[in-house]
C-alpha atoms as a PDB file:
ATOM      1  CA  MET A   1       1.393 -32.693   6.297  1.00  0.00           C
ATOM      2  CA  ILE A   2      -2.428 -32.837   7.227  1.00  0.00           C
ATOM      3  CA  TYR A   3      -3.483 -30.185   5.124  1.00  0.00           C
ATOM      4  CA  ASP A   4      -2.516 -31.760   2.116  1.00  0.00           C
ATOM      5  CA  ASP A   5      -4.701 -31.976  -1.319  1.00  0.00           C
ATOM      6  CA  PHE A   6      -7.414 -34.212   0.300  1.00  0.00           C
ATOM      7  CA  TYR A   7      -8.232 -31.785   3.150  1.00  0.00           C
ATOM      8  CA  ALA A   8      -7.807 -29.085   1.612  1.00  0.00           C
ATOM      9  CA  ASN A   9     -10.992 -30.118  -0.446  1.00  0.00           C
ATOM     10  CA  VAL A  10     -12.889 -30.973   1.983  1.00  0.00           C
ATOM     11  CA  TYR A  11     -11.942 -28.659   4.441  1.00  0.00           C
ATOM     12  CA  ASP A  12     -14.940 -25.529   3.910  1.00  0.00           C
ATOM     13  CA  ASP A  13     -17.738 -28.754   3.900  1.00  0.00           C
ATOM     14  CA  LEU A  14     -16.168 -29.558   7.051  1.00  0.00           C
ATOM     15  CA  VAL A  15     -15.666 -25.664   8.963  1.00  0.00           C
ATOM     16  CA  PHE A  16     -16.364 -22.415   6.828  1.00  0.00           C
ATOM     17  CA  ASN A  17     -19.241 -20.674   7.857  1.00  0.00           C
ATOM     18  CA  GLN A  18     -20.341 -17.734   5.831  1.00  0.00           C
ATOM     19  CA  ILE A  19     -22.434 -16.210   8.671  1.00  0.00           C
ATOM     20  CA  LYS A  20     -19.275 -16.332  10.581  1.00  0.00           C
ATOM     21  CA  ASN A  21     -16.750 -15.068   8.355  1.00  0.00           C
ATOM     22  CA  ASP A  22     -19.296 -12.119   7.483  1.00  0.00           C
ATOM     23  CA  TYR A  23     -19.555 -11.256  11.068  1.00  0.00           C
ATOM     24  CA  GLU A  24     -15.796 -11.198  11.655  1.00  0.00           C
ATOM     25  CA  VAL A  25     -14.471  -9.565   8.762  1.00  0.00           C
ATOM     26  CA  GLY A  26     -17.539  -7.253   9.469  1.00  0.00           C
ATOM     27  CA  GLU A  27     -16.627  -6.479  13.359  1.00  0.00           C
ATOM     28  CA  ILE A  28     -12.865  -6.108  12.452  1.00  0.00           C
ATOM     29  CA  VAL A  29     -13.461  -3.163  10.114  1.00  0.00           C
ATOM     30  CA  ASN A  30     -15.847  -2.206  12.869  1.00  0.00           C
ATOM     31  CA  LYS A  31     -13.269  -1.918  15.185  1.00  0.00           C
ATOM     32  CA  THR A  32      -9.759  -0.751  13.539  1.00  0.00           C
ATOM     33  CA  THR A  33     -11.328   1.393  10.710  1.00  0.00           C
ATOM     34  CA  PRO A  34      -8.739   0.646   7.681  1.00  0.00           C
ATOM     35  CA  ASP A  35      -9.653   2.747   4.610  1.00  0.00           C
ATOM     36  CA  THR A  36      -8.480   2.129   1.053  1.00  0.00           C
ATOM     37  CA  GLU A  37      -4.786   3.322   2.023  1.00  0.00           C
ATOM     38  CA  SER A  38      -4.368   0.179   4.395  1.00  0.00           C
ATOM     39  CA  LEU A  39      -2.531  -2.915   3.458  1.00  0.00           C
ATOM     40  CA  ILE A  40      -4.142  -6.355   5.415  1.00  0.00           C
ATOM     41  CA  LEU A  41      -1.974  -9.514   6.143  1.00  0.00           C
ATOM     42  CA  ASP A  42      -4.221 -12.478   7.030  1.00  0.00           C
ATOM     43  CA  ILE A  43      -2.230 -15.722   8.969  1.00  0.00           C
ATOM     44  CA  GLY A  44      -3.689 -18.616   8.184  1.00  0.00           C
ATOM     45  CA  SER A  45      -5.740 -17.811   4.969  1.00  0.00           C
ATOM     46  CA  GLY A  46      -6.792 -21.364   4.061  1.00  0.00           C
ATOM     47  CA  THR A  47      -8.940 -20.956   1.687  1.00  0.00           C
ATOM     48  CA  GLY A  48      -9.014 -17.460   1.410  1.00  0.00           C
ATOM     49  CA  HIS A  49     -12.887 -16.198   2.374  1.00  0.00           C
ATOM     50  CA  HIS A  50     -11.386 -13.475   5.231  1.00  0.00           C
ATOM     51  CA  VAL A  51      -9.194 -11.836   2.075  1.00  0.00           C
ATOM     52  CA  LYS A  52     -12.164 -12.296  -0.001  1.00  0.00           C
ATOM     53  CA  SER A  53     -14.246 -10.283   2.355  1.00  0.00           C
ATOM     54  CA  LEU A  54     -11.652  -8.174   2.946  1.00  0.00           C
ATOM     55  CA  THR A  55     -11.196  -6.894  -0.664  1.00  0.00           C
ATOM     56  CA  ASP A  56     -15.057  -7.104  -1.413  1.00  0.00           C
ATOM     57  CA  MET A  57     -15.100  -4.190   0.622  1.00  0.00           C
ATOM     58  CA  GLY A  58     -12.432  -2.608  -1.397  1.00  0.00           C
ATOM     59  CA  LEU A  59      -9.990  -2.951   1.044  1.00  0.00           C
ATOM     60  CA  ASN A  60      -6.134  -4.088  -0.025  1.00  0.00           C
ATOM     61  CA  ALA A  61      -5.472  -7.558   1.812  1.00  0.00           C
ATOM     62  CA  LEU A  62      -2.755 -10.287   1.236  1.00  0.00           C
ATOM     63  CA  GLY A  63      -3.516 -13.812   2.798  1.00  0.00           C
ATOM     64  CA  ILE A  64      -0.816 -16.255   3.944  1.00  0.00           C
ATOM     65  CA  ASP A  65      -0.344 -20.086   4.464  1.00  0.00           C
ATOM     66  CA  ILE A  66       1.955 -22.950   5.129  1.00  0.00           C
ATOM     67  CA  SER A  67       0.050 -25.565   3.791  1.00  0.00           C
ATOM     68  CA  PRO A  68       0.827 -25.081  -0.176  1.00  0.00           C
ATOM     69  CA  ALA A  69      -2.451 -27.083  -1.078  1.00  0.00           C
ATOM     70  CA  MET A  70      -4.538 -24.609   1.183  1.00  0.00           C
ATOM     71  CA  VAL A  71      -3.580 -21.798  -0.960  1.00  0.00           C
ATOM     72  CA  LYS A  72      -3.806 -23.627  -3.906  1.00  0.00           C
ATOM     73  CA  ILE A  73      -7.186 -23.782  -3.001  1.00  0.00           C
ATOM     74  CA  ALA A  74      -7.648 -20.028  -2.213  1.00  0.00           C
ATOM     75  CA  GLN A  75      -5.528 -19.075  -5.257  1.00  0.00           C
ATOM     76  CA  ASN A  76      -7.780 -21.548  -7.626  1.00  0.00           C
ATOM     77  CA  ALA A  77     -11.313 -19.680  -6.302  1.00  0.00           C
ATOM     78  CA  TYR A  78     -10.034 -15.900  -6.248  1.00  0.00           C
ATOM     79  CA  PRO A  79      -7.343 -16.040  -8.970  1.00  0.00           C
ATOM     80  CA  ASP A  80      -7.207 -11.959  -8.786  1.00  0.00           C
ATOM     81  CA  LEU A  81      -6.099 -12.168  -5.101  1.00  0.00           C
ATOM     82  CA  ASP A  82      -3.141 -12.461  -3.640  1.00  0.00           C
ATOM     83  CA  TYR A  83      -2.394 -15.825  -1.644  1.00  0.00           C
ATOM     84  CA  ARG A  84       1.259 -16.912  -0.805  1.00  0.00           C
ATOM     85  CA  VAL A  85       2.870 -19.976   0.975  1.00  0.00           C
ATOM     86  CA  ALA A  86       4.188 -18.923   4.234  1.00  0.00           C
ATOM     87  CA  ASP A  87       5.117 -19.575   7.226  1.00  0.00           C
ATOM     88  CA  ALA A  88       4.053 -16.261  10.383  1.00  0.00           C
ATOM     89  CA  LEU A  89       7.434 -17.784  12.370  1.00  0.00           C
ATOM     90  CA  ASP A  90       9.869 -16.715   9.618  1.00  0.00           C
ATOM     91  CA  THR A  91      10.929 -12.945  10.341  1.00  0.00           C
ATOM     92  CA  MET A  92      12.203 -12.269   7.140  1.00  0.00           C
ATOM     93  CA  ILE A  93       9.234 -13.047   4.797  1.00  0.00           C
ATOM     94  CA  PHE A  94       7.933  -8.820   5.062  1.00  0.00           C
ATOM     95  CA  PRO A  95       9.899  -6.651   5.510  1.00  0.00           C
ATOM     96  CA  SER A  96       9.367  -4.027   9.043  1.00  0.00           C
ATOM     97  CA  GLU A  97       6.384  -2.311   9.372  1.00  0.00           C
ATOM     98  CA  SER A  98       4.704  -3.520   6.070  1.00  0.00           C
ATOM     99  CA  PHE A  99       1.202  -3.479   7.010  1.00  0.00           C
ATOM    100  CA  THR A 100      -1.344  -1.661   9.362  1.00  0.00           C
ATOM    101  CA  HIS A 101      -3.540  -4.631  10.017  1.00  0.00           C
ATOM    102  CA  ILE A 102      -3.169  -8.238  10.435  1.00  0.00           C
ATOM    103  CA  THR A 103      -5.453 -11.008  11.412  1.00  0.00           C
ATOM    104  CA  CYS A 104      -5.195 -14.145  12.588  1.00  0.00           C
ATOM    105  CA  LEU A 105      -8.491 -15.866  12.905  1.00  0.00           C
ATOM    106  CA  TYR A 106     -10.301 -19.472  13.275  1.00  0.00           C
ATOM    107  CA  PHE A 107      -7.756 -22.124  15.129  1.00  0.00           C
ATOM    108  CA  THR A 108      -4.463 -20.756  13.536  1.00  0.00           C
ATOM    109  CA  ILE A 109      -2.884 -19.410  16.916  1.00  0.00           C
ATOM    110  CA  TYR A 110      -2.810 -23.015  18.836  1.00  0.00           C
ATOM    111  CA  TYR A 111      -0.849 -24.245  16.076  1.00  0.00           C
ATOM    112  CA  ILE A 112       1.501 -22.399  16.549  1.00  0.00           C
ATOM    113  CA  LYS A 113       3.652 -23.223  19.394  1.00  0.00           C
ATOM    114  CA  ASP A 114       6.391 -20.824  19.491  1.00  0.00           C
ATOM    115  CA  LYS A 115       3.527 -17.413  20.379  1.00  0.00           C
ATOM    116  CA  ARG A 116       6.163 -15.282  21.476  1.00  0.00           C
ATOM    117  CA  LYS A 117       7.997 -15.538  18.145  1.00  0.00           C
ATOM    118  CA  PHE A 118       5.103 -14.898  16.241  1.00  0.00           C
ATOM    119  CA  PHE A 119       3.697 -11.615  18.496  1.00  0.00           C
ATOM    120  CA  GLU A 120       7.357 -10.437  17.985  1.00  0.00           C
ATOM    121  CA  ASN A 121       7.373 -11.230  14.005  1.00  0.00           C
ATOM    122  CA  CYS A 122       3.740  -9.329  13.724  1.00  0.00           C
ATOM    123  CA  MET A 123       4.789  -6.691  15.771  1.00  0.00           C
ATOM    124  CA  GLN A 124       7.895  -6.184  13.590  1.00  0.00           C
ATOM    125  CA  TRP A 125       5.620  -6.271  10.050  1.00  0.00           C
ATOM    126  CA  LEU A 126       2.727  -3.864  11.424  1.00  0.00           C
ATOM    127  CA  MET A 127       3.534   0.416  11.143  1.00  0.00           C
ATOM    128  CA  PRO A 128       3.280   1.989  14.293  1.00  0.00           C
ATOM    129  CA  GLY A 129      -0.846   1.866  15.539  1.00  0.00           C
ATOM    130  CA  GLY A 130      -1.126  -0.740  13.706  1.00  0.00           C
ATOM    131  CA  TYR A 131      -3.503  -3.664  14.225  1.00  0.00           C
ATOM    132  CA  LEU A 132      -3.363  -7.366  14.905  1.00  0.00           C
ATOM    133  CA  THR A 133      -6.115  -9.327  15.607  1.00  0.00           C
ATOM    134  CA  LEU A 134      -6.560 -12.815  17.376  1.00  0.00           C
ATOM    135  CA  HIS A 135      -9.706 -15.606  17.792  1.00  0.00           C
ATOM    136  CA  LEU A 136      -8.948 -16.799  20.711  1.00  0.00           C
ATOM    137  CA  VAL A 137     -11.538 -19.254  22.751  1.00  0.00           C
ATOM    138  CA  ASP A 138     -12.273 -20.297  25.834  1.00  0.00           C
ATOM    139  CA  ARG A 139     -10.378 -23.620  26.014  1.00  0.00           C
ATOM    140  CA  ASP A 140     -12.183 -25.485  28.703  1.00  0.00           C
ATOM    141  CA  ASN A 141     -16.039 -24.285  27.696  1.00  0.00           C
ATOM    142  CA  PHE A 142     -16.049 -23.645  23.592  1.00  0.00           C
ATOM    143  CA  ASP A 143     -17.534 -25.590  21.289  1.00  0.00           C
ATOM    144  CA  PRO A 144     -15.626 -28.386  20.239  1.00  0.00           C
ATOM    145  CA  ILE A 145     -18.193 -29.526  17.787  1.00  0.00           C
ATOM    146  CA  MET A 146     -17.424 -28.586  13.857  1.00  0.00           C
ATOM    147  CA  PRO A 147     -20.093 -26.774  11.992  1.00  0.00           C
ATOM    148  CA  ALA A 148     -20.748 -29.855   9.232  1.00  0.00           C
ATOM    149  CA  GLY A 149     -21.685 -31.088  12.595  1.00  0.00           C
ATOM    150  CA  ASP A 150     -23.969 -28.104  13.337  1.00  0.00           C
ATOM    151  CA  PRO A 151     -25.096 -27.011   9.992  1.00  0.00           C
ATOM    152  CA  PHE A 152     -28.441 -24.669  11.373  1.00  0.00           C
ATOM    153  CA  GLY A 153     -26.228 -23.779  13.973  1.00  0.00           C
ATOM    154  CA  ILE A 154     -29.466 -21.964  15.188  1.00  0.00           C
ATOM    155  CA  VAL A 155     -29.308 -24.096  19.026  1.00  0.00           C
ATOM    156  CA  SER A 156     -26.176 -25.148  19.398  1.00  0.00           C
ATOM    157  CA  PRO A 157     -26.451 -29.126  21.061  1.00  0.00           C
ATOM    158  CA  GLN A 158     -24.071 -27.672  24.086  1.00  0.00           C
ATOM    159  CA  SER A 159     -27.430 -25.704  25.264  1.00  0.00           C
ATOM    160  CA  TYR A 160     -28.778 -29.064  26.479  1.00  0.00           C
ATOM    161  CA  ALA A 161     -26.188 -31.250  26.677  1.00  0.00           C
ATOM    162  CA  ASP A 162     -25.656 -32.860  30.778  1.00  0.00           C
ATOM    163  CA  LYS A 163     -22.168 -33.154  29.548  1.00  0.00           C
ATOM    164  CA  ARG A 164     -19.439 -31.015  27.042  1.00  0.00           C
ATOM    165  CA  ILE A 165     -20.104 -32.680  23.569  1.00  0.00           C
ATOM    166  CA  THR A 166     -16.396 -32.565  22.098  1.00  0.00           C
ATOM    167  CA  SER A 167     -17.453 -35.373  19.147  1.00  0.00           C
ATOM    168  CA  THR A 168     -18.288 -34.827  15.692  1.00  0.00           C
ATOM    169  CA  VAL A 169     -20.065 -37.399  13.407  1.00  0.00           C
ATOM    170  CA  VAL A 170     -20.853 -36.162   9.705  1.00  0.00           C
ATOM    171  CA  LYS A 171     -22.049 -38.163   7.295  1.00  0.00           C
ATOM    172  CA  PHE A 172     -20.648 -36.950   3.739  1.00  0.00           C
ATOM    173  CA  ASN A 173     -21.129 -38.116  -0.099  1.00  0.00           C
ATOM    174  CA  ASP A 174     -17.992 -40.437  -0.174  1.00  0.00           C
ATOM    175  CA  PHE A 175     -16.830 -40.826   3.740  1.00  0.00           C
ATOM    176  CA  ASP A 176     -18.124 -40.860   7.021  1.00  0.00           C
ATOM    177  CA  TYR A 177     -16.477 -38.663   9.354  1.00  0.00           C
ATOM    178  CA  LYS A 178     -15.350 -38.151  13.025  1.00  0.00           C
ATOM    179  CA  SER A 179     -13.812 -35.784  15.356  1.00  0.00           C
ATOM    180  CA  ASN A 180     -13.058 -35.992  19.238  1.00  0.00           C
ATOM    181  CA  PHE A 181     -11.490 -32.850  21.139  1.00  0.00           C
ATOM    182  CA  GLU A 182      -9.913 -33.764  23.787  1.00  0.00           C
ATOM    183  CA  LEU A 183      -7.939 -30.615  26.304  1.00  0.00           C
ATOM    184  CA  GLY A 184      -4.772 -32.769  28.135  1.00  0.00           C
ATOM    185  CA  PRO A 185      -2.082 -31.740  30.538  1.00  0.00           C
ATOM    186  CA  ASN A 186       0.917 -28.988  29.886  1.00  0.00           C
ATOM    187  CA  ASP A 187      -1.241 -26.587  27.581  1.00  0.00           C
ATOM    188  CA  ILE A 188      -1.588 -29.319  24.760  1.00  0.00           C
ATOM    189  CA  ALA A 189      -4.934 -30.202  23.050  1.00  0.00           C
ATOM    190  CA  ILE A 190      -5.081 -33.254  20.633  1.00  0.00           C
ATOM    191  CA  MET A 191      -7.996 -33.224  17.823  1.00  0.00           C
ATOM    192  CA  ASN A 192      -8.301 -36.410  16.120  1.00  0.00           C
ATOM    193  CA  GLU A 193     -10.646 -36.795  12.792  1.00  0.00           C
ATOM    194  CA  THR A 194     -11.250 -40.085  11.283  1.00  0.00           C
ATOM    195  CA  PHE A 195     -12.523 -40.413   7.142  1.00  0.00           C
ATOM    196  CA  LYS A 196     -13.688 -43.594   6.361  1.00  0.00           C
ATOM    197  CA  TYR A 197     -14.241 -44.182   2.703  1.00  0.00           C
ATOM    198  CA  LYS A 198     -17.417 -45.760   1.278  1.00  0.00           C
ATOM    199  CA  ASN A 199     -15.946 -47.175  -1.634  1.00  0.00           C
ATOM    200  CA  ASN A 200     -13.456 -49.118  -0.006  1.00  0.00           C
ATOM    201  CA  GLY A 201     -13.803 -48.954   4.040  1.00  0.00           C
ATOM    202  CA  ASN A 202     -10.554 -47.432   4.070  1.00  0.00           C
ATOM    203  CA  VAL A 203      -9.925 -45.125   6.667  1.00  0.00           C
ATOM    204  CA  ARG A 204      -7.558 -41.493   6.889  1.00  0.00           C
ATOM    205  CA  LYS A 205      -6.763 -40.513  10.482  1.00  0.00           C
ATOM    206  CA  ASN A 206      -5.359 -36.834  11.509  1.00  0.00           C
ATOM    207  CA  GLU A 207      -4.484 -35.464  14.464  1.00  0.00           C
ATOM    208  CA  HIS A 208      -3.858 -32.402  14.533  1.00  0.00           C
ATOM    209  CA  LYS A 209      -1.702 -31.242  17.901  1.00  0.00           C
ATOM    210  CA  LEU A 210      -3.065 -27.721  19.439  1.00  0.00           C
ATOM    211  CA  TYR A 211      -1.088 -25.243  22.250  1.00  0.00           C
ATOM    212  CA  MET A 212      -3.677 -24.250  23.996  1.00  0.00           C
ATOM    213  CA  PRO A 213      -2.554 -22.319  26.944  1.00  0.00           C
ATOM    214  CA  THR A 214      -5.606 -19.877  28.560  1.00  0.00           C
ATOM    215  CA  GLN A 215      -6.587 -16.372  26.836  1.00  0.00           C
ATOM    216  CA  THR A 216      -4.750 -14.862  29.686  1.00  0.00           C
ATOM    217  CA  LYS A 217      -1.785 -16.624  29.366  1.00  0.00           C
ATOM    218  CA  ILE A 218      -1.499 -15.428  25.105  1.00  0.00           C
ATOM    219  CA  LEU A 219      -3.166 -12.305  25.895  1.00  0.00           C
ATOM    220  CA  SER A 220       0.139 -11.785  28.420  1.00  0.00           C
ATOM    221  CA  LEU A 221       2.657 -12.841  25.630  1.00  0.00           C
ATOM    222  CA  ALA A 222       0.695 -10.037  23.428  1.00  0.00           C
ATOM    223  CA  LYS A 223       1.313  -7.440  25.841  1.00  0.00           C
ATOM    224  CA  GLU A 224       5.186  -8.835  26.836  1.00  0.00           C
ATOM    225  CA  THR A 225       5.718  -7.765  22.752  1.00  0.00           C
ATOM    226  CA  GLY A 226       3.936  -4.401  22.959  1.00  0.00           C
ATOM    227  CA  PHE A 227       0.578  -4.880  21.935  1.00  0.00           C
ATOM    228  CA  ILE A 228      -2.168  -3.109  24.081  1.00  0.00           C
ATOM    229  CA  LEU A 229      -5.446  -4.744  24.169  1.00  0.00           C
ATOM    230  CA  LEU A 230      -7.841  -2.363  22.111  1.00  0.00           C
ATOM    231  CA  SER A 231     -11.289  -4.345  22.613  1.00  0.00           C
ATOM    232  CA  GLN A 232     -12.787  -8.032  22.266  1.00  0.00           C
ATOM    233  CA  ILE A 233     -15.603  -8.912  20.418  1.00  0.00           C
ATOM    234  CA  ASP A 234     -18.020 -11.778  21.625  1.00  0.00           C
ATOM    235  CA  MET A 235     -17.847 -14.624  18.530  1.00  0.00           C
ATOM    236  CA  LEU A 236     -21.573 -16.058  20.287  1.00  0.00           C
ATOM    237  CA  ARG A 237     -22.958 -12.689  18.906  1.00  0.00           C
ATOM    238  CA  CYS A 238     -23.027 -14.254  15.461  1.00  0.00           C
ATOM    239  CA  GLN A 239     -24.816 -17.541  16.055  1.00  0.00           C
END
């Protein structure tokens, strides 16, 4: 499993962005108006920041993640909050009509191959009139540079590059990090990562397999399972 103890412990250093996190949560709350009676499920809760932000706003939220190591990090960071190891493709983990809101953010949806089953489960778990919020990207044009490779985020290197930049290189205290994103055929993308440890020269390699149909295809699947597109949020505004 890629998301083991090592990866869970370096995850925030690689990808977490507080400004992005706050913007996402603020926009979701503004668009879907949860209140103290609402119950929000965050699928792919990772190290727990979205659940934390929602509960800080006085809302009821819990997170699930398929990685025990990621859930352990979240539980240690926020011991009073509810994080569980669970698979969003397992229909039986929650009773029908358990939630008013479901969120699935960052790249979580792209790790899920059977998106139809995902949407069917979300529809079953949501109360009538409930909301599902997805983070989708334009697979051909989004910026695949890891946040750690652009720590200030003031001006994206993509804006002055002749060709789309798909790689990231970062030097950490204990290791050198490299990643590269490549969109292949059949709606499959691969993100390769390399960690080279400075103390002994050992190398760890990860290969993330992402199931990346177009936004149109994903939204069509959602509509086929009963969802109605309410609105879209432009994440470029948080940069």
